[in-house]
Protein backbone atom coordinates (compact mmCIF):
# COMPACT_ATOMS: atom_id res chain seq x y z
CA MET A 1 0.00 -0.01 0.00
CA ALA A 2 1.50 3.34 -1.04
CA VAL A 3 1.65 6.03 1.62
CA ARG A 4 0.39 9.39 0.50
CA ASN A 5 2.56 12.37 1.50
CA THR A 6 0.18 14.82 3.12
CA GLU A 7 2.88 17.06 4.63
CA PRO A 8 2.20 20.63 3.47
CA THR A 9 5.06 21.98 1.39
CA LEU A 10 5.32 25.55 0.43
CA ALA A 11 4.73 24.60 -3.26
CA ARG A 12 1.54 22.75 -2.32
CA VAL A 13 0.28 25.67 -0.13
CA ILE A 14 0.96 28.12 -3.00
CA GLU A 15 -0.79 25.90 -5.53
CA TYR A 16 -3.76 25.50 -3.21
CA LEU A 17 -3.95 29.23 -2.52
CA ASN A 18 -3.74 29.99 -6.24
CA SER A 19 -6.80 27.74 -6.75
CA ALA A 20 -8.87 29.93 -4.40
CA LYS A 21 -11.31 32.44 -5.69
CA LYS A 22 -11.35 35.99 -4.28
CA THR A 23 -14.66 36.92 -2.58
CA LYS A 24 -16.32 40.34 -2.79
CA SER A 25 -15.19 41.10 0.80
CA GLY A 26 -11.56 40.48 -0.16
CA GLY A 27 -11.38 37.06 1.49
CA MET A 28 -10.75 33.72 -0.25
CA SER A 29 -13.24 31.04 -1.08
CA PHE A 30 -11.94 27.44 -1.26
CA LYS A 31 -13.99 24.72 -2.88
CA THR A 32 -13.88 21.66 -0.70
CA THR A 33 -15.60 18.34 -1.18
CA ASN A 34 -15.36 16.96 2.31
CA THR A 35 -14.22 17.54 5.83
CA ASP A 36 -10.63 16.42 5.10
CA ASP A 37 -10.31 18.89 2.30
CA HIS A 38 -11.74 21.68 4.44
CA ILE A 39 -9.26 20.87 7.23
CA ARG A 40 -6.42 20.94 4.75
CA ALA A 41 -7.69 24.26 3.39
CA LEU A 42 -7.74 25.83 6.82
CA CYS A 43 -4.23 24.52 7.52
CA ALA A 44 -3.01 26.03 4.30
CA ARG A 45 -4.67 29.33 5.12
CA VAL A 46 -3.21 29.57 8.63
CA LEU A 47 0.30 28.87 7.28
CA VAL A 48 0.23 31.98 5.11
CA ALA A 49 -1.94 34.30 7.21
CA LYS A 50 -0.20 37.33 8.60
CA ASP A 51 -2.93 39.20 10.50
CA PRO A 52 -3.31 37.88 14.14
CA ASP A 53 -7.12 38.38 13.94
CA GLU A 54 -7.27 36.34 10.74
CA ILE A 55 -5.06 33.63 12.30
CA ASN A 56 -7.32 33.49 15.38
CA ASP A 57 -10.43 33.24 13.16
CA ILE A 58 -8.93 30.46 11.06
CA MET A 59 -7.79 28.56 14.17
CA ARG A 60 -11.33 28.85 15.67
CA GLN A 61 -12.72 27.39 12.41
CA LEU A 62 -10.10 24.65 12.40
CA ARG A 63 -10.83 23.64 16.00
CA ALA A 64 -14.54 23.46 15.26
CA GLU A 65 -13.95 21.41 12.07
CA LEU A 66 -11.63 19.01 13.98
CA ARG A 67 -14.24 18.61 16.73
CA ASP A 68 -16.90 17.79 14.20
CA HIS A 69 -14.56 15.37 12.47
CA VAL A 70 -13.75 13.53 15.74
CA GLU A 71 -17.43 13.26 16.53
CA ASN A 72 -18.18 11.83 13.05
CA VAL A 73 -15.41 9.28 13.47
CA ARG A 74 -16.77 8.29 16.88
CA ARG A 75 -20.23 7.79 15.45
CA MET A 76 -18.87 5.67 12.54
CA VAL A 77 -16.89 3.47 14.97
CA GLU A 78 -19.85 3.02 17.24
CA ALA A 79 -22.12 2.13 14.27
CA HIS A 80 -19.56 -0.35 13.05
CA ARG A 81 -19.30 -1.85 16.54
CA ARG A 82 -23.08 -2.18 16.85
CA HIS A 83 -23.27 -3.77 13.35
CA ALA A 84 -20.62 -6.29 14.25
CA VAL A 85 -22.37 -7.24 17.51
CA GLU A 86 -25.71 -7.59 15.72
CA ARG A 87 -24.20 -9.58 12.88
CA ASN A 88 -22.24 -12.13 14.87
CA GLY A 89 -22.28 -11.24 18.55
CA ASP A 90 -18.62 -10.29 18.45
CA ASP A 91 -17.68 -6.88 19.73
CA PRO A 92 -14.49 -5.68 18.00
CA LEU A 93 -13.91 -3.19 20.82
CA GLY A 94 -14.49 -5.65 23.59
CA LYS A 95 -17.44 -3.71 25.00
CA SER A 96 -20.71 -5.25 26.06
CA ALA A 97 -23.63 -4.55 23.76
């Protein structure tokens, strides 16, 4: 299985920022297709942001997005666990049903 390099390099950040569209208010609009892309976009934005207020705003958004992502993963794991228990009585996490 090939490991994908997700480490942000300056070239990747610049490429990503160049793909953004300017909004009427002067901000940037990034098209994202899922939570992972949105998290990557926020990380790219915070790396190049200069204004402390903008950095704080981006970090607030990033924390909220990460919280949502963690909750979604928890729900997926719990649904998988319940399905495994219902299917064969075996709990992959060793919890009681």
